[in-house]
Amino acid sequence: MRIFFVGDIVGRPGRSALARALPTMKERFGRFDFFVVNCENAASGKGMTDKVMNELFALGVDGMTSGNHIWDKNIFYPALASETRVIRPANYPPGAPGAGYTIIERGGKKLGLLNLQGRAFMPPLDCPFRAADAALAELEKNAERMSAPLPVLVDFHAEATSEKKALALYLDGRVSATAGTHTHVQTADEQVLPGGSAYISDVGMTGGHGGVIGVQAESVLTRFLTCLPAKYEVCGDQPRINAVVIDIDDASGRAVDIVRVNEPVPA
């Protein structure tokens, strides 16, 4: 099984970059059994809308993970509650709309998706480690009739690399991959851990890399220099795609390889 997982898509520049990069990605890597994206910044740089969700599905996306910014547009809450292919972090308290894990299917294959959010330098939430235990137990129940282990991709939306690596080691051998998101800066530590789980601290950001983590530099500099509020504008300069390609052994559910993608996208 081959998974194509795209890091935080930021606004229209990110969506356009992804659409333009797809033919090249498919030519280089061949088939993708599953195409997954982090969508929490896909609509105007913060949050999601039904229109953007459908635009991404039209590109062939099979499932979407998210993070703390998925709540920024409350018009999306009904879709989040009803669309099982779009998930939010599982360790939000009861009452938050949507689900933190799901199983997506394509071509006779199944993939478990689990979304978690970190607590270091982030808003206080339930424990992501314990939430992972509970979610994996439920995913295993849903996969009991499968002839092979259910492969599971974890998107850990967190700030601290230490917390990300700790969770990855905690889940090593129990999931196929733990991929970090949130910082918008891709790390170069992709690896297959001893237990057979692929790992990277942060997949990175798909969008304009000419500013500051997807935002035009001018507004960010104003905020740093004056400590006053400034409206952030999505950056469209220097578009790049950040992603990982993960190969998983069908018989064992363990990762075979993880390849990092960090490339400019021609206009």
C-alpha atoms as a PDB file:
ATOM      1  CA  MET A   1       0.000   0.000   0.000  1.00  0.00           C
ATOM      2  CA  ARG A   2       1.248   3.466  -0.887  1.00  0.00           C
ATOM      3  CA  ILE A   3      -0.009   6.572   0.938  1.00  0.00           C
ATOM      4  CA  PHE A   4       0.487  10.136  -0.269  1.00  0.00           C
ATOM      5  CA  PHE A   5       0.097  12.466   2.723  1.00  0.00           C
ATOM      6  CA  VAL A   6       0.241  16.214   2.057  1.00  0.00           C
ATOM      7  CA  GLY A   7       1.230  18.671   4.790  1.00  0.00           C
ATOM      8  CA  ASP A   8      -0.925  21.626   5.849  1.00  0.00           C
ATOM      9  CA  ILE A   9      -2.534  23.146   2.746  1.00  0.00           C
ATOM     10  CA  VAL A  10      -2.599  26.930   3.206  1.00  0.00           C
ATOM     11  CA  GLY A  11      -5.341  28.818   1.381  1.00  0.00           C
ATOM     12  CA  ARG A  12      -5.910  29.091  -2.341  1.00  0.00           C
ATOM     13  CA  PRO A  13      -2.153  29.155  -3.116  1.00  0.00           C
ATOM     14  CA  GLY A  14      -1.804  25.798  -1.366  1.00  0.00           C
ATOM     15  CA  ARG A  15      -4.780  24.267  -3.144  1.00  0.00           C
ATOM     16  CA  SER A  16      -3.528  25.522  -6.506  1.00  0.00           C
ATOM     17  CA  ALA A  17      -0.013  24.265  -5.851  1.00  0.00           C
ATOM     18  CA  LEU A  18      -1.349  20.836  -4.947  1.00  0.00           C
ATOM     19  CA  ALA A  19      -3.474  20.641  -8.095  1.00  0.00           C
ATOM     20  CA  ARG A  20      -0.530  21.625 -10.303  1.00  0.00           C
ATOM     21  CA  ALA A  21       1.890  19.251  -8.568  1.00  0.00           C
ATOM     22  CA  LEU A  22      -0.294  16.149  -8.720  1.00  0.00           C
ATOM     23  CA  PRO A  23       0.572  15.063 -12.292  1.00  0.00           C
ATOM     24  CA  THR A  24       4.293  15.222 -11.464  1.00  0.00           C
ATOM     25  CA  MET A  25       3.798  13.319  -8.199  1.00  0.00           C
ATOM     26  CA  LYS A  26       1.849  10.583  -9.963  1.00  0.00           C
ATOM     27  CA  GLU A  27       4.448  10.335 -12.702  1.00  0.00           C
ATOM     28  CA  ARG A  28       7.258   9.987 -10.172  1.00  0.00           C
ATOM     29  CA  PHE A  29       5.672   7.681  -7.623  1.00  0.00           C
ATOM     30  CA  GLY A  30       3.138   5.844  -9.755  1.00  0.00           C
ATOM     31  CA  ARG A  31      -0.060   4.832  -8.044  1.00  0.00           C
ATOM     32  CA  PHE A  32      -1.297   6.122  -4.712  1.00  0.00           C
ATOM     33  CA  ASP A  33      -3.628   3.737  -2.928  1.00  0.00           C
ATOM     34  CA  PHE A  34      -4.651   6.548  -0.581  1.00  0.00           C
ATOM     35  CA  PHE A  35      -4.371  10.318  -0.913  1.00  0.00           C
ATOM     36  CA  VAL A  36      -4.650  12.156   2.422  1.00  0.00           C
ATOM     37  CA  VAL A  37      -4.215  15.856   3.237  1.00  0.00           C
ATOM     38  CA  ASN A  38      -4.210  18.072   6.295  1.00  0.00           C
ATOM     39  CA  CYS A  39      -6.926  20.628   5.550  1.00  0.00           C
ATOM     40  CA  GLU A  40      -7.151  22.853   8.636  1.00  0.00           C
ATOM     41  CA  ASN A  41      -5.732  25.929   6.847  1.00  0.00           C
ATOM     42  CA  ALA A  42      -7.134  25.210   3.394  1.00  0.00           C
ATOM     43  CA  ALA A  43      -9.834  27.923   3.340  1.00  0.00           C
ATOM     44  CA  SER A  44      -8.316  31.426   3.336  1.00  0.00           C
ATOM     45  CA  GLY A  45      -5.462  30.215   5.519  1.00  0.00           C
ATOM     46  CA  LYS A  46      -7.609  29.339   8.540  1.00  0.00           C
ATOM     47  CA  GLY A  47     -10.332  26.724   8.829  1.00  0.00           C
ATOM     48  CA  MET A  48     -12.425  24.938   6.224  1.00  0.00           C
ATOM     49  CA  THR A  49     -15.605  25.361   4.190  1.00  0.00           C
ATOM     50  CA  ASP A  50     -17.854  22.935   2.354  1.00  0.00           C
ATOM     51  CA  LYS A  51     -16.760  24.445  -0.975  1.00  0.00           C
ATOM     52  CA  VAL A  52     -13.071  23.883  -0.270  1.00  0.00           C
ATOM     53  CA  MET A  53     -13.761  20.377   1.026  1.00  0.00           C
ATOM     54  CA  ASN A  54     -15.513  19.462  -2.222  1.00  0.00           C
ATOM     55  CA  GLU A  55     -12.707  21.059  -4.251  1.00  0.00           C
ATOM     56  CA  LEU A  56     -10.181  18.798  -2.515  1.00  0.00           C
ATOM     57  CA  PHE A  57     -12.353  15.714  -2.946  1.00  0.00           C
ATOM     58  CA  ALA A  58     -12.557  16.553  -6.669  1.00  0.00           C
ATOM     59  CA  LEU A  59      -8.746  16.339  -6.826  1.00  0.00           C
ATOM     60  CA  GLY A  60      -8.991  12.724  -5.666  1.00  0.00           C
ATOM     61  CA  VAL A  61      -8.395  13.196  -1.937  1.00  0.00           C
ATOM     62  CA  ASP A  62      -9.595  10.164   0.030  1.00  0.00           C
ATOM     63  CA  GLY A  63      -9.401  11.564   3.558  1.00  0.00           C
ATOM     64  CA  MET A  64      -8.603  14.776   5.425  1.00  0.00           C
ATOM     65  CA  THR A  65      -7.031  15.364   8.818  1.00  0.00           C
ATOM     66  CA  SER A  66      -6.907  18.701  10.605  1.00  0.00           C
ATOM     67  CA  GLY A  67      -5.940  20.447  13.857  1.00  0.00           C
ATOM     68  CA  ASN A  68      -6.677  23.425  16.065  1.00  0.00           C
ATOM     69  CA  HIS A  69      -7.671  25.721  13.172  1.00  0.00           C
ATOM     70  CA  ILE A  70     -10.455  23.414  11.993  1.00  0.00           C
ATOM     71  CA  TRP A  71     -12.710  25.331  14.411  1.00  0.00           C
ATOM     72  CA  ASP A  72     -11.998  28.778  12.934  1.00  0.00           C
ATOM     73  CA  LYS A  73     -14.992  28.732  10.580  1.00  0.00           C
ATOM     74  CA  ASN A  74     -18.057  27.483  12.436  1.00  0.00           C
ATOM     75  CA  ILE A  75     -20.014  27.248   9.172  1.00  0.00           C
ATOM     76  CA  PHE A  76     -18.049  24.046   8.621  1.00  0.00           C
ATOM     77  CA  TYR A  77     -19.210  22.375  11.832  1.00  0.00           C
ATOM     78  CA  PRO A  78     -22.232  20.594  10.237  1.00  0.00           C
ATOM     79  CA  ALA A  79     -20.032  19.115   7.496  1.00  0.00           C
ATOM     80  CA  LEU A  80     -17.442  18.092  10.070  1.00  0.00           C
ATOM     81  CA  ALA A  81     -20.167  16.307  12.019  1.00  0.00           C
ATOM     82  CA  SER A  82     -21.529  14.443   8.991  1.00  0.00           C
ATOM     83  CA  GLU A  83     -18.627  13.841   6.574  1.00  0.00           C
ATOM     84  CA  THR A  84     -16.771  10.783   7.832  1.00  0.00           C
ATOM     85  CA  ARG A  85     -13.796  11.343   5.527  1.00  0.00           C
ATOM     86  CA  VAL A  86     -12.842  14.561   7.353  1.00  0.00           C
ATOM     87  CA  ILE A  87     -11.622  14.220  10.946  1.00  0.00           C
ATOM     88  CA  ARG A  88     -10.470  16.487  13.777  1.00  0.00           C
ATOM     89  CA  PRO A  89      -8.164  15.692  16.716  1.00  0.00           C
ATOM     90  CA  ALA A  90      -9.575  12.832  18.779  1.00  0.00           C
ATOM     91  CA  ASN A  91      -8.538  14.304  22.133  1.00  0.00           C
ATOM     92  CA  TYR A  92     -10.991  17.214  22.059  1.00  0.00           C
ATOM     93  CA  PRO A  93     -13.579  16.930  24.856  1.00  0.00           C
ATOM     94  CA  PRO A  94     -16.983  15.288  24.322  1.00  0.00           C
ATOM     95  CA  GLY A  95     -19.388  17.609  22.554  1.00  0.00           C
ATOM     96  CA  ALA A  96     -16.952  18.802  19.893  1.00  0.00           C
ATOM     97  CA  PRO A  97     -18.431  18.088  16.446  1.00  0.00           C
ATOM     98  CA  GLY A  98     -16.927  15.453  14.231  1.00  0.00           C
ATOM     99  CA  ALA A  99     -14.821  12.366  14.872  1.00  0.00           C
ATOM    100  CA  GLY A 100     -11.146  11.902  15.642  1.00  0.00           C
ATOM    101  CA  TYR A 101     -10.655   8.722  13.653  1.00  0.00           C
ATOM    102  CA  THR A 102     -12.169   6.926  10.695  1.00  0.00           C
ATOM    103  CA  ILE A 103     -11.602   4.150   8.167  1.00  0.00           C
ATOM    104  CA  ILE A 104     -11.436   5.107   4.499  1.00  0.00           C
ATOM    105  CA  GLU A 105     -11.737   2.634   1.642  1.00  0.00           C
ATOM    106  CA  ARG A 106     -10.613   2.554  -1.980  1.00  0.00           C
ATOM    107  CA  GLY A 107      -9.961  -0.202  -4.468  1.00  0.00           C
ATOM    108  CA  GLY A 108     -10.791  -2.930  -1.960  1.00  0.00           C
ATOM    109  CA  LYS A 109      -8.236  -1.617   0.546  1.00  0.00           C
ATOM    110  CA  LYS A 110      -8.823   0.072   3.899  1.00  0.00           C
ATOM    111  CA  LEU A 111      -6.823   2.653   5.829  1.00  0.00           C
ATOM    112  CA  GLY A 112      -7.413   3.842   9.369  1.00  0.00           C
ATOM    113  CA  LEU A 113      -6.905   7.555   9.971  1.00  0.00           C
ATOM    114  CA  LEU A 114      -6.305   8.936  13.462  1.00  0.00           C
ATOM    115  CA  ASN A 115      -5.905  12.636  14.280  1.00  0.00           C
ATOM    116  CA  LEU A 116      -4.435  13.863  17.573  1.00  0.00           C
ATOM    117  CA  GLN A 117      -3.361  17.252  18.922  1.00  0.00           C
ATOM    118  CA  GLY A 118      -0.409  17.970  21.172  1.00  0.00           C
ATOM    119  CA  ARG A 119      -0.466  19.766  24.513  1.00  0.00           C
ATOM    120  CA  ALA A 120       3.038  21.280  24.691  1.00  0.00           C
ATOM    121  CA  PHE A 121       2.734  25.017  23.836  1.00  0.00           C
ATOM    122  CA  MET A 122      -0.845  24.323  22.686  1.00  0.00           C
ATOM    123  CA  PRO A 123      -4.318  24.807  24.241  1.00  0.00           C
ATOM    124  CA  PRO A 124      -5.026  22.318  27.062  1.00  0.00           C
ATOM    125  CA  LEU A 125      -6.737  19.157  25.840  1.00  0.00           C
ATOM    126  CA  ASP A 126      -7.223  15.561  26.897  1.00  0.00           C
ATOM    127  CA  CYS A 127      -4.126  13.346  26.814  1.00  0.00           C
ATOM    128  CA  PRO A 128      -3.226  12.435  23.207  1.00  0.00           C
ATOM    129  CA  PHE A 129      -1.476   9.238  24.359  1.00  0.00           C
ATOM    130  CA  ARG A 130      -4.561   7.930  26.157  1.00  0.00           C
ATOM    131  CA  ALA A 131      -6.810   9.135  23.347  1.00  0.00           C
ATOM    132  CA  ALA A 132      -4.661   7.164  20.900  1.00  0.00           C
ATOM    133  CA  ASP A 133      -5.091   4.005  22.990  1.00  0.00           C
ATOM    134  CA  ALA A 134      -8.867   4.390  23.008  1.00  0.00           C
ATOM    135  CA  ALA A 135      -9.110   5.205  19.305  1.00  0.00           C
ATOM    136  CA  LEU A 136      -6.890   2.304  18.244  1.00  0.00           C
ATOM    137  CA  ALA A 137      -8.999  -0.092  20.312  1.00  0.00           C
ATOM    138  CA  GLU A 138     -12.104   1.071  18.421  1.00  0.00           C
ATOM    139  CA  LEU A 139     -10.375   0.888  15.044  1.00  0.00           C
ATOM    140  CA  GLU A 140      -9.301  -2.685  15.820  1.00  0.00           C
ATOM    141  CA  LYS A 141     -12.911  -3.627  16.573  1.00  0.00           C
ATOM    142  CA  ASN A 142     -14.007  -2.270  13.197  1.00  0.00           C
ATOM    143  CA  ALA A 143     -11.247  -4.218  11.439  1.00  0.00           C
ATOM    144  CA  GLU A 144     -11.791  -7.596  13.113  1.00  0.00           C
ATOM    145  CA  ARG A 145     -13.088  -9.207   9.927  1.00  0.00           C
ATOM    146  CA  MET A 146     -10.069  -8.155   7.839  1.00  0.00           C
ATOM    147  CA  SER A 147      -7.635 -10.858   6.747  1.00  0.00           C
ATOM    148  CA  ALA A 148      -4.626  -8.654   7.565  1.00  0.00           C
ATOM    149  CA  PRO A 149      -3.921  -5.928  10.134  1.00  0.00           C
ATOM    150  CA  LEU A 150      -5.591  -2.578   9.483  1.00  0.00           C
ATOM    151  CA  PRO A 151      -2.909  -0.040   8.462  1.00  0.00           C
ATOM    152  CA  VAL A 152      -3.280   3.198  10.440  1.00  0.00           C
ATOM    153  CA  LEU A 153      -1.901   6.652   9.617  1.00  0.00           C
ATOM    154  CA  VAL A 154      -1.671   9.047  12.570  1.00  0.00           C
ATOM    155  CA  ASP A 155      -1.555  12.823  12.037  1.00  0.00           C
ATOM    156  CA  PHE A 156      -0.168  14.309  15.258  1.00  0.00           C
ATOM    157  CA  HIS A 157      -0.855  18.033  15.095  1.00  0.00           C
ATOM    158  CA  ALA A 158       1.605  19.389  17.632  1.00  0.00           C
ATOM    159  CA  GLU A 159       4.184  22.086  18.293  1.00  0.00           C
ATOM    160  CA  ALA A 160       7.026  20.274  20.083  1.00  0.00           C
ATOM    161  CA  THR A 161       9.185  17.734  18.259  1.00  0.00           C
ATOM    162  CA  SER A 162       9.844  16.036  21.605  1.00  0.00           C
ATOM    163  CA  GLU A 163       6.138  15.354  22.097  1.00  0.00           C
ATOM    164  CA  LYS A 164       5.809  14.143  18.522  1.00  0.00           C
ATOM    165  CA  LYS A 165       8.717  11.707  18.807  1.00  0.00           C
ATOM    166  CA  ALA A 166       7.484  10.486  22.181  1.00  0.00           C
ATOM    167  CA  LEU A 167       4.043   9.660  20.776  1.00  0.00           C
ATOM    168  CA  ALA A 168       5.610   7.996  17.734  1.00  0.00           C
ATOM    169  CA  LEU A 169       7.687   5.720  19.961  1.00  0.00           C
ATOM    170  CA  TYR A 170       4.649   5.037  22.161  1.00  0.00           C
ATOM    171  CA  LEU A 171       2.705   3.910  19.067  1.00  0.00           C
ATOM    172  CA  ASP A 172       5.609   2.198  17.278  1.00  0.00           C
ATOM    173  CA  GLY A 173       4.500  -1.209  16.073  1.00  0.00           C
ATOM    174  CA  ARG A 174       0.822  -0.413  16.677  1.00  0.00           C
ATOM    175  CA  VAL A 175       0.340   1.998  13.753  1.00  0.00           C
ATOM    176  CA  SER A 176       1.796   2.144  10.260  1.00  0.00           C
ATOM    177  CA  ALA A 177       2.925   5.756  10.494  1.00  0.00           C
ATOM    178  CA  THR A 178       2.936   8.796  12.764  1.00  0.00           C
ATOM    179  CA  ALA A 179       3.355  12.021  10.812  1.00  0.00           C
ATOM    180  CA  GLY A 180       3.556  15.393  12.522  1.00  0.00           C
ATOM    181  CA  THR A 181       1.852  18.541  11.280  1.00  0.00           C
ATOM    182  CA  HIS A 182       1.185  22.106  12.528  1.00  0.00           C
ATOM    183  CA  THR A 183       4.526  23.974  12.397  1.00  0.00           C
ATOM    184  CA  HIS A 184       4.469  24.428   8.586  1.00  0.00           C
ATOM    185  CA  VAL A 185       8.219  23.713   8.550  1.00  0.00           C
ATOM    186  CA  GLN A 186       9.210  20.336   7.130  1.00  0.00           C
ATOM    187  CA  THR A 187      11.727  18.326   9.135  1.00  0.00           C
ATOM    188  CA  ALA A 188      14.418  16.045   7.723  1.00  0.00           C
ATOM    189  CA  ASP A 189      14.069  13.184  10.210  1.00  0.00           C
ATOM    190  CA  GLU A 190      11.925  10.761   8.220  1.00  0.00           C
ATOM    191  CA  GLN A 191      12.581   7.173   9.294  1.00  0.00           C
ATOM    192  CA  VAL A 192      11.078   3.761   9.944  1.00  0.00           C
ATOM    193  CA  LEU A 193      11.167   3.117  13.695  1.00  0.00           C
ATOM    194  CA  PRO A 194      12.310  -0.251  15.149  1.00  0.00           C
ATOM    195  CA  GLY A 195       8.752  -1.531  15.569  1.00  0.00           C
ATOM    196  CA  GLY A 196       7.880  -0.860  11.932  1.00  0.00           C
ATOM    197  CA  SER A 197       6.110   2.517  12.108  1.00  0.00           C
ATOM    198  CA  ALA A 198       7.151   5.300   9.737  1.00  0.00           C
ATOM    199  CA  TYR A 199       7.787   8.676  11.336  1.00  0.00           C
ATOM    200  CA  ILE A 200       8.494  12.315  10.524  1.00  0.00           C
ATOM    201  CA  SER A 201       8.298  15.192  13.003  1.00  0.00           C
ATOM    202  CA  ASP A 202       6.569  17.520  10.551  1.00  0.00           C
ATOM    203  CA  VAL A 203       5.383  16.956   7.003  1.00  0.00           C
ATOM    204  CA  GLY A 204       5.518  20.695   6.331  1.00  0.00           C
ATOM    205  CA  MET A 205       3.287  23.082   4.411  1.00  0.00           C
ATOM    206  CA  THR A 206       1.849  23.169   0.907  1.00  0.00           C
ATOM    207  CA  GLY A 207       1.453  26.753  -0.276  1.00  0.00           C
ATOM    208  CA  GLY A 208       3.443  29.955  -0.599  1.00  0.00           C
ATOM    209  CA  HIS A 209       6.862  29.665   1.055  1.00  0.00           C
ATOM    210  CA  GLY A 210       7.948  33.226   0.258  1.00  0.00           C
ATOM    211  CA  GLY A 211       6.567  34.687   3.486  1.00  0.00           C
ATOM    212  CA  VAL A 212       6.413  33.370   7.035  1.00  0.00           C
ATOM    213  CA  ILE A 213       4.845  29.871   7.341  1.00  0.00           C
ATOM    214  CA  GLY A 214       2.299  30.665   4.622  1.00  0.00           C
ATOM    215  CA  VAL A 215       1.559  34.275   5.562  1.00  0.00           C
ATOM    216  CA  GLN A 216       2.783  37.411   3.796  1.00  0.00           C
ATOM    217  CA  ALA A 217       5.894  38.696   5.552  1.00  0.00           C
ATOM    218  CA  GLU A 218       4.745  42.310   5.909  1.00  0.00           C
ATOM    219  CA  SER A 219       1.891  41.570   8.298  1.00  0.00           C
ATOM    220  CA  VAL A 220       4.012  39.203  10.371  1.00  0.00           C
ATOM    221  CA  LEU A 221       6.868  41.715  10.666  1.00  0.00           C
ATOM    222  CA  THR A 222       4.433  44.442  11.739  1.00  0.00           C
ATOM    223  CA  ARG A 223       3.223  42.252  14.558  1.00  0.00           C
ATOM    224  CA  PHE A 224       6.723  41.381  15.742  1.00  0.00           C
ATOM    225  CA  LEU A 225       8.001  44.954  15.508  1.00  0.00           C
ATOM    226  CA  THR A 226       5.041  46.716  17.135  1.00  0.00           C
ATOM    227  CA  CYS A 227       3.378  43.961  19.216  1.00  0.00           C
ATOM    228  CA  LEU A 228       0.093  45.248  17.775  1.00  0.00           C
ATOM    229  CA  PRO A 229      -2.569  43.136  16.032  1.00  0.00           C
ATOM    230  CA  ALA A 230      -2.138  42.830  12.275  1.00  0.00           C
ATOM    231  CA  LYS A 231      -4.313  41.120   9.716  1.00  0.00           C
ATOM    232  CA  TYR A 232      -2.574  38.117   8.232  1.00  0.00           C
ATOM    233  CA  GLU A 233      -2.732  37.682   4.458  1.00  0.00           C
ATOM    234  CA  VAL A 234      -2.045  34.329   2.808  1.00  0.00           C
ATOM    235  CA  CYS A 235       1.227  34.252   0.864  1.00  0.00           C
ATOM    236  CA  GLY A 236       1.227  33.111  -2.746  1.00  0.00           C
ATOM    237  CA  ASP A 237       4.938  33.569  -3.476  1.00  0.00           C
ATOM    238  CA  GLN A 238       7.295  30.634  -4.025  1.00  0.00           C
ATOM    239  CA  PRO A 239       4.683  27.860  -3.972  1.00  0.00           C
ATOM    240  CA  ARG A 240       5.956  24.476  -2.841  1.00  0.00           C
ATOM    241  CA  ILE A 241       4.452  21.103  -2.087  1.00  0.00           C
ATOM    242  CA  ASN A 242       5.454  19.400   1.167  1.00  0.00           C
ATOM    243  CA  ALA A 243       4.374  15.783   1.576  1.00  0.00           C
ATOM    244  CA  VAL A 244       5.486  12.263   2.390  1.00  0.00           C
ATOM    245  CA  VAL A 245       5.034   9.023   0.473  1.00  0.00           C
ATOM    246  CA  ILE A 246       4.721   6.020   2.772  1.00  0.00           C
ATOM    247  CA  ASP A 247       4.901   2.403   1.607  1.00  0.00           C
ATOM    248  CA  ILE A 248       3.246  -0.195   3.842  1.00  0.00           C
ATOM    249  CA  ASP A 249       3.461  -3.973   3.697  1.00  0.00           C
ATOM    250  CA  ASP A 250      -0.073  -5.317   3.174  1.00  0.00           C
ATOM    251  CA  ALA A 251       0.504  -8.514   5.126  1.00  0.00           C
ATOM    252  CA  SER A 252       1.895  -6.965   8.312  1.00  0.00           C
ATOM    253  CA  GLY A 253       0.678  -3.366   8.225  1.00  0.00           C
ATOM    254  CA  ARG A 254       4.246  -2.218   8.912  1.00  0.00           C
ATOM    255  CA  ALA A 255       5.960   0.576   7.024  1.00  0.00           C
ATOM    256  CA  VAL A 256       8.545  -0.350   4.435  1.00  0.00           C
ATOM    257  CA  ASP A 257       9.699   3.150   3.513  1.00  0.00           C
ATOM    258  CA  ILE A 258       8.947   6.846   3.917  1.00  0.00           C
ATOM    259  CA  VAL A 259      10.068   9.404   1.338  1.00  0.00           C
ATOM    260  CA  ARG A 260       9.946  13.157   1.917  1.00  0.00           C
ATOM    261  CA  VAL A 261       8.675  15.526  -0.820  1.00  0.00           C
ATOM    262  CA  ASN A 262       9.685  19.200  -0.740  1.00  0.00           C
ATOM    263  CA  GLU A 263       9.550  20.768  -4.182  1.00  0.00           C
ATOM    264  CA  PRO A 264       8.772  24.074  -5.891  1.00  0.00           C
ATOM    265  CA  VAL A 265       5.631  24.109  -7.993  1.00  0.00           C
ATOM    266  CA  PRO A 266       5.826  25.990 -11.313  1.00  0.00           C
ATOM    267  CA  ALA A 267       3.182  28.683 -11.824  1.00  0.00           C
END
